[in-house]
Amino acid sequence: MPHGRVLLGAGSMALLLLLVATASAHAQLGGGHGRRQRDQQQTPQTSQAPKPLPARPEIWPRLEGGALICKSRDDLVRYQTQIANGASATTTAGQASDCHTISKQTGIQILDHDGPSRTQIVTTDESKETGWTNSYLPSTPPPSVAKSAGAGK
């Protein structure tokens, strides 16, 4: 039996040496801990950051999407009267066939005012539609528009 112990001891020793050799080789190759990356020279990046797109100026004055445009002042007054009498805005816009809502932000030119809730406008898009709106149109542009207009001067 003493001979068996020696063989078992020698086998264990051989296995231990194999594990040590494997661990040593693994450590020399970087050990999976990024060592190889630290030892290599870093090449400078030559790609440039993308150039920002030029700022697109905001339209001013403008109507926002969903704003109402009526063909005449009388159509707008009729629409506003129906709303004041309790009709819902969705059914009223459908009944006032000469009024419609716009689908997207649209540049305008202000032609006339009839109080704070009635403004005659013409759109600056291809259609050049003339009409009346009840949209609130402040006399001064919002800060984002004022800032971009000032930057170009």
N, C-alpha and C. Protein backbone atom coordinates (compact mmCIF):
# COMPACT_ATOMS: atom_id res chain seq x y z
N MET A 1 0.79 -1.19 0.00
CA MET A 1 0.00 0.00 0.00
C MET A 1 0.85 1.27 0.00
N PRO A 2 2.06 1.26 0.61
CA PRO A 2 2.83 2.49 0.59
C PRO A 2 3.14 2.94 -0.83
N HIS A 3 3.29 1.96 -1.74
CA HIS A 3 3.60 2.30 -3.11
C HIS A 3 2.42 3.05 -3.75
N GLY A 4 1.17 2.69 -3.40
CA GLY A 4 -0.03 3.34 -3.92
C GLY A 4 -0.12 4.79 -3.48
N ARG A 5 0.32 5.04 -2.28
CA ARG A 5 0.27 6.41 -1.80
C ARG A 5 1.24 7.29 -2.57
N VAL A 6 2.35 6.76 -2.90
CA VAL A 6 3.34 7.52 -3.64
C VAL A 6 2.79 7.87 -5.01
N LEU A 7 2.16 6.87 -5.68
CA LEU A 7 1.59 7.14 -7.00
C LEU A 7 0.48 8.17 -6.91
N LEU A 8 -0.36 8.07 -5.88
CA LEU A 8 -1.43 9.03 -5.70
C LEU A 8 -0.84 10.40 -5.43
N GLY A 9 0.22 10.45 -4.66
CA GLY A 9 0.89 11.71 -4.38
C GLY A 9 1.55 12.27 -5.65
N ALA A 10 2.15 11.40 -6.45
CA ALA A 10 2.81 11.84 -7.68
C ALA A 10 1.77 12.34 -8.68
N GLY A 11 0.62 11.65 -8.73
CA GLY A 11 -0.47 12.08 -9.64
C GLY A 11 -1.02 13.43 -9.21
N SER A 12 -1.17 13.60 -7.91
CA SER A 12 -1.66 14.88 -7.41
C SER A 12 -0.66 15.99 -7.70
N MET A 13 0.62 15.64 -7.57
CA MET A 13 1.66 16.62 -7.82
C MET A 13 1.68 17.01 -9.29
N ALA A 14 1.51 16.05 -10.17
CA ALA A 14 1.50 16.33 -11.61
C ALA A 14 0.29 17.22 -11.96
N LEU A 15 -0.84 16.92 -11.36
CA LEU A 15 -2.04 17.73 -11.59
C LEU A 15 -1.85 19.15 -11.08
N LEU A 16 -1.21 19.27 -9.93
CA LEU A 16 -0.94 20.57 -9.35
C LEU A 16 -0.01 21.38 -10.25
N LEU A 17 1.04 20.73 -10.78
CA LEU A 17 1.97 21.41 -11.68
C LEU A 17 1.26 21.87 -12.96
N LEU A 18 0.36 21.04 -13.46
CA LEU A 18 -0.39 21.39 -14.67
C LEU A 18 -1.27 22.61 -14.41
N LEU A 19 -1.92 22.67 -13.27
CA LEU A 19 -2.76 23.81 -12.93
C LEU A 19 -1.94 25.09 -12.77
N VAL A 20 -0.76 24.97 -12.14
CA VAL A 20 0.10 26.13 -11.95
C VAL A 20 0.59 26.64 -13.30
N ALA A 21 0.98 25.74 -14.19
CA ALA A 21 1.48 26.13 -15.51
C ALA A 21 0.37 26.82 -16.31
N THR A 22 -0.85 26.30 -16.22
CA THR A 22 -1.98 26.90 -16.93
C THR A 22 -2.29 28.28 -16.38
N ALA A 23 -2.29 28.42 -15.07
CA ALA A 23 -2.56 29.71 -14.45
C ALA A 23 -1.48 30.72 -14.81
N SER A 24 -0.24 30.28 -14.87
CA SER A 24 0.86 31.18 -15.21
C SER A 24 0.73 31.66 -16.66
N ALA A 25 0.42 30.75 -17.56
CA ALA A 25 0.27 31.13 -18.96
C ALA A 25 -0.92 32.08 -19.12
N HIS A 26 -1.97 31.81 -18.40
CA HIS A 26 -3.16 32.66 -18.46
C HIS A 26 -2.83 34.07 -17.98
N ALA A 27 -2.06 34.18 -16.93
CA ALA A 27 -1.70 35.48 -16.39
C ALA A 27 -0.80 36.25 -17.36
N GLN A 28 0.09 35.54 -18.05
CA GLN A 28 0.98 36.21 -19.00
C GLN A 28 0.22 36.73 -20.22
N LEU A 29 -0.88 36.10 -20.57
CA LEU A 29 -1.67 36.52 -21.72
C LEU A 29 -2.67 37.61 -21.36
N GLY A 30 -2.68 38.05 -20.16
CA GLY A 30 -3.57 39.14 -19.78
C GLY A 30 -4.63 38.70 -18.80
N GLY A 31 -4.85 37.44 -18.68
CA GLY A 31 -5.76 36.94 -17.66
C GLY A 31 -7.19 37.41 -17.81
N GLY A 32 -7.54 37.95 -18.94
CA GLY A 32 -8.91 38.38 -19.12
C GLY A 32 -9.27 39.61 -18.32
N HIS A 33 -8.28 40.32 -17.81
CA HIS A 33 -8.55 41.49 -16.99
C HIS A 33 -8.17 42.78 -17.69
N GLY A 34 -8.00 42.75 -19.01
CA GLY A 34 -7.69 43.95 -19.75
C GLY A 34 -6.22 44.33 -19.72
N ARG A 35 -5.37 43.46 -19.21
CA ARG A 35 -3.95 43.80 -19.11
C ARG A 35 -3.36 43.98 -20.50
N ARG A 36 -3.76 43.15 -21.43
CA ARG A 36 -3.23 43.22 -22.79
C ARG A 36 -3.54 44.60 -23.38
N GLN A 37 -4.70 45.11 -23.08
CA GLN A 37 -5.09 46.42 -23.61
C GLN A 37 -4.25 47.53 -22.99
N ARG A 38 -3.90 47.39 -21.75
CA ARG A 38 -3.08 48.42 -21.10
C ARG A 38 -1.67 48.42 -21.64
N ASP A 39 -1.16 47.24 -22.02
CA ASP A 39 0.21 47.14 -22.49
C ASP A 39 0.37 47.62 -23.92
N GLN A 40 -0.70 47.62 -24.70
CA GLN A 40 -0.61 48.03 -26.10
C GLN A 40 -0.65 49.55 -26.20
N GLN A 41 0.02 50.08 -27.23
CA GLN A 41 -0.02 51.51 -27.45
C GLN A 41 -1.39 51.89 -27.98
N GLN A 42 -1.87 52.97 -27.50
CA GLN A 42 -3.15 53.48 -27.98
C GLN A 42 -2.89 54.36 -29.19
N THR A 43 -3.60 54.10 -30.27
CA THR A 43 -3.46 54.96 -31.45
C THR A 43 -4.46 56.09 -31.33
N PRO A 44 -4.08 57.30 -31.67
CA PRO A 44 -5.01 58.42 -31.55
C PRO A 44 -6.17 58.26 -32.53
N GLN A 45 -7.33 58.66 -32.07
CA GLN A 45 -8.52 58.59 -32.91
C GLN A 45 -8.44 59.70 -33.95
N THR A 46 -8.62 59.34 -35.21
CA THR A 46 -8.55 60.33 -36.27
C THR A 46 -9.93 60.77 -36.74
N SER A 47 -10.96 60.08 -36.31
CA SER A 47 -12.30 60.47 -36.76
C SER A 47 -12.73 61.73 -36.00
N GLN A 48 -13.40 62.62 -36.72
CA GLN A 48 -13.85 63.86 -36.12
C GLN A 48 -15.29 63.71 -35.67
N ALA A 49 -15.63 64.49 -34.67
CA ALA A 49 -17.02 64.49 -34.20
C ALA A 49 -17.90 65.06 -35.31
N PRO A 50 -19.11 64.55 -35.46
CA PRO A 50 -19.98 65.08 -36.51
C PRO A 50 -20.28 66.56 -36.27
N LYS A 51 -20.32 67.30 -37.35
CA LYS A 51 -20.60 68.73 -37.23
C LYS A 51 -22.08 68.92 -36.94
N PRO A 52 -22.40 69.82 -36.02
CA PRO A 52 -23.82 70.04 -35.72
C PRO A 52 -24.53 70.65 -36.93
N LEU A 53 -25.79 70.30 -37.07
CA LEU A 53 -26.58 70.85 -38.16
C LEU A 53 -26.80 72.34 -37.92
N PRO A 54 -26.86 73.11 -38.98
CA PRO A 54 -27.11 74.53 -38.77
C PRO A 54 -28.49 74.73 -38.15
N ALA A 55 -28.59 75.70 -37.27
CA ALA A 55 -29.86 75.96 -36.58
C ALA A 55 -30.89 76.43 -37.60
N ARG A 56 -32.04 75.78 -37.57
CA ARG A 56 -33.13 76.16 -38.45
C ARG A 56 -33.91 77.27 -37.77
N PRO A 57 -34.03 78.41 -38.41
CA PRO A 57 -34.74 79.51 -37.74
C PRO A 57 -36.20 79.16 -37.51
N GLU A 58 -36.69 79.58 -36.36
CA GLU A 58 -38.10 79.34 -36.06
C GLU A 58 -38.96 80.32 -36.84
N ILE A 59 -40.11 79.84 -37.23
CA ILE A 59 -41.05 80.67 -37.98
C ILE A 59 -41.73 81.63 -37.01
N TRP A 60 -41.81 82.90 -37.40
CA TRP A 60 -42.53 83.86 -36.58
C TRP A 60 -43.02 84.99 -37.46
N PRO A 61 -44.21 85.46 -37.36
CA PRO A 61 -45.29 84.88 -36.55
C PRO A 61 -45.79 83.58 -37.19
N ARG A 62 -46.52 82.81 -36.40
CA ARG A 62 -46.95 81.50 -36.86
C ARG A 62 -48.22 81.07 -36.16
N LEU A 63 -48.88 80.09 -36.77
CA LEU A 63 -49.99 79.38 -36.14
C LEU A 63 -49.50 77.98 -35.84
N GLU A 64 -49.87 77.45 -34.71
CA GLU A 64 -49.49 76.09 -34.34
C GLU A 64 -50.48 75.10 -34.96
N GLY A 65 -50.04 73.85 -35.06
CA GLY A 65 -50.94 72.80 -35.54
C GLY A 65 -52.19 72.76 -34.67
N GLY A 66 -53.36 72.62 -35.29
CA GLY A 66 -54.62 72.62 -34.56
C GLY A 66 -55.30 73.97 -34.52
N ALA A 67 -54.61 75.01 -35.01
CA ALA A 67 -55.21 76.35 -35.02
C ALA A 67 -56.34 76.40 -36.04
N LEU A 68 -57.29 77.25 -35.77
CA LEU A 68 -58.47 77.39 -36.63
C LEU A 68 -58.26 78.53 -37.63
N ILE A 69 -58.64 78.27 -38.87
CA ILE A 69 -58.66 79.32 -39.89
C ILE A 69 -60.05 79.30 -40.53
N CYS A 70 -60.69 80.47 -40.57
CA CYS A 70 -61.99 80.62 -41.22
C CYS A 70 -61.82 81.52 -42.43
N LYS A 71 -62.62 81.28 -43.46
CA LYS A 71 -62.48 82.06 -44.70
C LYS A 71 -62.81 83.53 -44.50
N SER A 72 -63.78 83.84 -43.67
CA SER A 72 -64.17 85.24 -43.47
C SER A 72 -64.30 85.55 -41.98
N ARG A 73 -64.34 86.84 -41.67
CA ARG A 73 -64.56 87.27 -40.30
C ARG A 73 -65.91 86.79 -39.81
N ASP A 74 -66.94 86.84 -40.67
CA ASP A 74 -68.28 86.39 -40.29
C ASP A 74 -68.29 84.90 -39.94
N ASP A 75 -67.54 84.09 -40.68
CA ASP A 75 -67.45 82.65 -40.37
C ASP A 75 -66.83 82.44 -38.99
N LEU A 76 -65.80 83.23 -38.69
CA LEU A 76 -65.15 83.12 -37.38
C LEU A 76 -66.10 83.56 -36.27
N VAL A 77 -66.83 84.65 -36.48
CA VAL A 77 -67.79 85.13 -35.48
C VAL A 77 -68.87 84.07 -35.26
N ARG A 78 -69.36 83.45 -36.33
CA ARG A 78 -70.37 82.39 -36.23
C ARG A 78 -69.81 81.22 -35.41
N TYR A 79 -68.59 80.83 -35.68
CA TYR A 79 -67.94 79.73 -34.94
C TYR A 79 -67.84 80.09 -33.46
N GLN A 80 -67.36 81.30 -33.16
CA GLN A 80 -67.19 81.72 -31.77
C GLN A 80 -68.54 81.81 -31.05
N THR A 81 -69.58 82.22 -31.75
CA THR A 81 -70.91 82.31 -31.15
C THR A 81 -71.43 80.91 -30.81
N GLN A 82 -71.21 79.97 -31.72
CA GLN A 82 -71.65 78.59 -31.46
C GLN A 82 -70.92 78.01 -30.25
N ILE A 83 -69.63 78.29 -30.13
CA ILE A 83 -68.86 77.81 -28.98
C ILE A 83 -69.39 78.45 -27.69
N ALA A 84 -69.65 79.75 -27.75
CA ALA A 84 -70.15 80.46 -26.57
C ALA A 84 -71.52 79.94 -26.15
N ASN A 85 -72.29 79.45 -27.10
CA ASN A 85 -73.63 78.91 -26.79
C ASN A 85 -73.59 77.46 -26.36
N GLY A 86 -72.41 76.89 -26.21
CA GLY A 86 -72.29 75.56 -25.63
C GLY A 86 -72.06 74.43 -26.62
N ALA A 87 -71.95 74.71 -27.89
CA ALA A 87 -71.66 73.63 -28.85
C ALA A 87 -70.20 73.20 -28.67
N SER A 88 -69.92 71.92 -28.92
CA SER A 88 -68.53 71.47 -28.78
C SER A 88 -67.71 71.95 -29.97
N ALA A 89 -66.45 72.13 -29.77
CA ALA A 89 -65.57 72.65 -30.81
C ALA A 89 -65.48 71.70 -32.00
N THR A 90 -65.52 70.38 -31.75
CA THR A 90 -65.38 69.43 -32.86
C THR A 90 -66.61 69.45 -33.77
N THR A 91 -67.80 69.51 -33.20
CA THR A 91 -68.99 69.55 -34.05
C THR A 91 -69.15 70.91 -34.69
N THR A 92 -68.75 71.96 -34.02
CA THR A 92 -68.88 73.31 -34.55
C THR A 92 -67.97 73.50 -35.76
N ALA A 93 -66.76 73.02 -35.67
CA ALA A 93 -65.83 73.17 -36.80
C ALA A 93 -66.39 72.44 -38.02
N GLY A 94 -67.03 71.31 -37.80
CA GLY A 94 -67.63 70.58 -38.90
C GLY A 94 -68.83 71.31 -39.49
N GLN A 95 -69.62 71.99 -38.65
CA GLN A 95 -70.80 72.71 -39.13
C GLN A 95 -70.41 73.99 -39.85
N ALA A 96 -69.37 74.64 -39.39
CA ALA A 96 -68.92 75.86 -40.04
C ALA A 96 -68.00 75.44 -41.18
N SER A 97 -68.59 75.16 -42.34
CA SER A 97 -67.82 74.57 -43.44
C SER A 97 -66.72 75.48 -43.96
N ASP A 98 -66.79 76.75 -43.64
CA ASP A 98 -65.75 77.65 -44.10
C ASP A 98 -64.66 77.85 -43.06
N CYS A 99 -64.60 76.95 -42.05
CA CYS A 99 -63.54 76.96 -41.05
C CYS A 99 -62.88 75.58 -41.02
N HIS A 100 -61.60 75.57 -40.80
CA HIS A 100 -60.88 74.29 -40.66
C HIS A 100 -59.66 74.49 -39.76
N THR A 101 -59.15 73.39 -39.26
CA THR A 101 -57.93 73.45 -38.44
C THR A 101 -56.74 73.09 -39.32
N ILE A 102 -55.60 73.67 -38.99
CA ILE A 102 -54.39 73.35 -39.75
C ILE A 102 -53.68 72.19 -39.07
N SER A 103 -52.95 71.41 -39.86
CA SER A 103 -52.35 70.20 -39.33
C SER A 103 -50.93 70.40 -38.79
N LYS A 104 -50.26 71.45 -39.22
CA LYS A 104 -48.87 71.65 -38.76
C LYS A 104 -48.59 73.12 -38.56
N GLN A 105 -47.49 73.39 -37.90
CA GLN A 105 -47.06 74.77 -37.66
C GLN A 105 -46.92 75.48 -39.01
N THR A 106 -47.50 76.67 -39.11
CA THR A 106 -47.51 77.39 -40.38
C THR A 106 -47.16 78.86 -40.15
N GLY A 107 -46.25 79.36 -40.94
CA GLY A 107 -45.90 80.77 -40.88
C GLY A 107 -47.03 81.62 -41.43
N ILE A 108 -47.20 82.80 -40.85
CA ILE A 108 -48.28 83.70 -41.27
C ILE A 108 -47.77 85.13 -41.35
N GLN A 109 -48.58 85.94 -42.02
CA GLN A 109 -48.40 87.39 -41.99
C GLN A 109 -49.71 87.95 -41.46
N ILE A 110 -49.65 88.83 -40.48
CA ILE A 110 -50.85 89.42 -39.88
C ILE A 110 -51.29 90.61 -40.74
N LEU A 111 -52.57 90.56 -41.15
CA LEU A 111 -53.11 91.63 -41.99
C LEU A 111 -53.93 92.64 -41.21
N ASP A 112 -54.71 92.14 -40.23
CA ASP A 112 -55.61 93.03 -39.49
C ASP A 112 -56.00 92.38 -38.17
N HIS A 113 -56.49 93.20 -37.23
CA HIS A 113 -56.99 92.72 -35.94
C HIS A 113 -58.40 93.25 -35.74
N ASP A 114 -59.23 92.43 -35.11
CA ASP A 114 -60.55 92.85 -34.67
C ASP A 114 -60.67 92.38 -33.23
N GLY A 115 -60.03 93.09 -32.33
CA GLY A 115 -60.00 92.67 -30.93
C GLY A 115 -58.94 91.59 -30.74
N PRO A 116 -58.82 91.08 -29.51
CA PRO A 116 -57.76 90.11 -29.20
C PRO A 116 -58.03 88.71 -29.74
N SER A 117 -59.29 88.40 -30.10
CA SER A 117 -59.59 87.02 -30.50
C SER A 117 -59.93 86.86 -31.98
N ARG A 118 -59.69 87.88 -32.76
CA ARG A 118 -59.96 87.79 -34.20
C ARG A 118 -58.83 88.50 -34.96
N THR A 119 -58.10 87.71 -35.73
CA THR A 119 -56.97 88.25 -36.48
C THR A 119 -57.04 87.77 -37.92
N GLN A 120 -56.93 88.70 -38.86
CA GLN A 120 -56.89 88.33 -40.27
C GLN A 120 -55.44 88.04 -40.63
N ILE A 121 -55.24 86.91 -41.30
CA ILE A 121 -53.88 86.46 -41.61
C ILE A 121 -53.81 85.97 -43.05
N VAL A 122 -52.61 85.82 -43.53
CA VAL A 122 -52.33 85.09 -44.77
C VAL A 122 -51.17 84.15 -44.45
N THR A 123 -51.28 82.89 -44.88
CA THR A 123 -50.20 81.94 -44.61
C THR A 123 -49.04 82.22 -45.55
N THR A 124 -47.84 81.91 -45.10
CA THR A 124 -46.66 82.15 -45.92
C THR A 124 -46.19 80.89 -46.65
N ASP A 125 -46.98 79.82 -46.55
CA ASP A 125 -46.63 78.60 -47.28
C ASP A 125 -47.07 78.71 -48.74
N GLU A 126 -47.01 77.62 -49.48
CA GLU A 126 -47.35 77.62 -50.89
C GLU A 126 -48.80 78.03 -51.15
N SER A 127 -49.69 77.69 -50.22
CA SER A 127 -51.12 77.95 -50.46
C SER A 127 -51.48 79.43 -50.35
N LYS A 128 -50.72 80.20 -49.60
CA LYS A 128 -51.00 81.64 -49.39
C LYS A 128 -52.47 81.87 -49.03
N GLU A 129 -52.97 81.02 -48.12
CA GLU A 129 -54.38 81.10 -47.71
C GLU A 129 -54.63 82.34 -46.86
N THR A 130 -55.67 83.08 -47.22
CA THR A 130 -56.08 84.24 -46.43
C THR A 130 -57.30 83.85 -45.62
N GLY A 131 -57.33 84.27 -44.35
CA GLY A 131 -58.47 83.93 -43.51
C GLY A 131 -58.38 84.63 -42.17
N TRP A 132 -59.26 84.20 -41.27
CA TRP A 132 -59.33 84.77 -39.92
C TRP A 132 -59.10 83.66 -38.92
N THR A 133 -58.40 83.97 -37.84
CA THR A 133 -58.14 82.99 -36.80
C THR A 133 -58.47 83.57 -35.43
N ASN A 134 -58.79 82.67 -34.51
CA ASN A 134 -59.03 83.09 -33.13
C ASN A 134 -57.82 82.76 -32.25
N SER A 135 -56.73 82.33 -32.86
CA SER A 135 -55.52 81.98 -32.10
C SER A 135 -54.90 83.21 -31.46
N TYR A 136 -54.38 83.01 -30.26
CA TYR A 136 -53.68 84.10 -29.58
C TYR A 136 -52.35 84.31 -30.29
N LEU A 137 -52.11 85.51 -30.73
CA LEU A 137 -50.86 85.85 -31.41
C LEU A 137 -50.19 86.99 -30.66
N PRO A 138 -49.23 86.67 -29.78
CA PRO A 138 -48.57 87.72 -29.00
C PRO A 138 -47.82 88.68 -29.91
N SER A 139 -47.67 89.90 -29.45
CA SER A 139 -47.00 90.92 -30.27
C SER A 139 -45.49 90.73 -30.30
N THR A 140 -44.95 90.02 -29.32
CA THR A 140 -43.51 89.77 -29.32
C THR A 140 -43.27 88.26 -29.45
N PRO A 141 -42.21 87.89 -30.15
CA PRO A 141 -41.93 86.46 -30.32
C PRO A 141 -41.45 85.83 -29.02
N PRO A 142 -41.58 84.50 -28.91
CA PRO A 142 -41.05 83.82 -27.72
C PRO A 142 -39.53 83.98 -27.65
N PRO A 143 -38.94 83.80 -26.47
CA PRO A 143 -37.48 84.00 -26.30
C PRO A 143 -36.64 83.20 -27.28
N SER A 144 -37.04 81.96 -27.60
CA SER A 144 -36.23 81.15 -28.51
C SER A 144 -36.14 81.77 -29.89
N VAL A 145 -37.22 82.42 -30.35
CA VAL A 145 -37.22 83.07 -31.65
C VAL A 145 -36.43 84.35 -31.58
N ALA A 146 -36.62 85.12 -30.51
CA ALA A 146 -35.90 86.38 -30.36
C ALA A 146 -34.40 86.14 -30.28
N LYS A 147 -33.99 85.07 -29.60
CA LYS A 147 -32.56 84.77 -29.45
C LYS A 147 -31.96 84.39 -30.80
N SER A 148 -32.64 83.54 -31.58
CA SER A 148 -32.08 83.13 -32.86
C SER A 148 -32.07 84.29 -33.85
N ALA A 149 -33.03 85.21 -33.77
CA ALA A 149 -33.03 86.37 -34.65
C ALA A 149 -31.91 87.32 -34.29
N GLY A 150 -31.62 87.45 -32.99
CA GLY A 150 -30.55 88.33 -32.54
C GLY A 150 -29.18 87.78 -32.87
N ALA A 151 -29.05 86.45 -32.94
CA ALA A 151 -27.75 85.84 -33.22
C ALA A 151 -27.31 86.13 -34.65
N GLY A 152 -28.26 86.32 -35.57
CA GLY A 152 -27.89 86.55 -36.95
C GLY A 152 -27.52 87.98 -37.24
N LYS A 153 -27.69 88.90 -36.29
CA LYS A 153 -27.41 90.33 -36.51
C LYS A 153 -25.98 90.67 -36.18
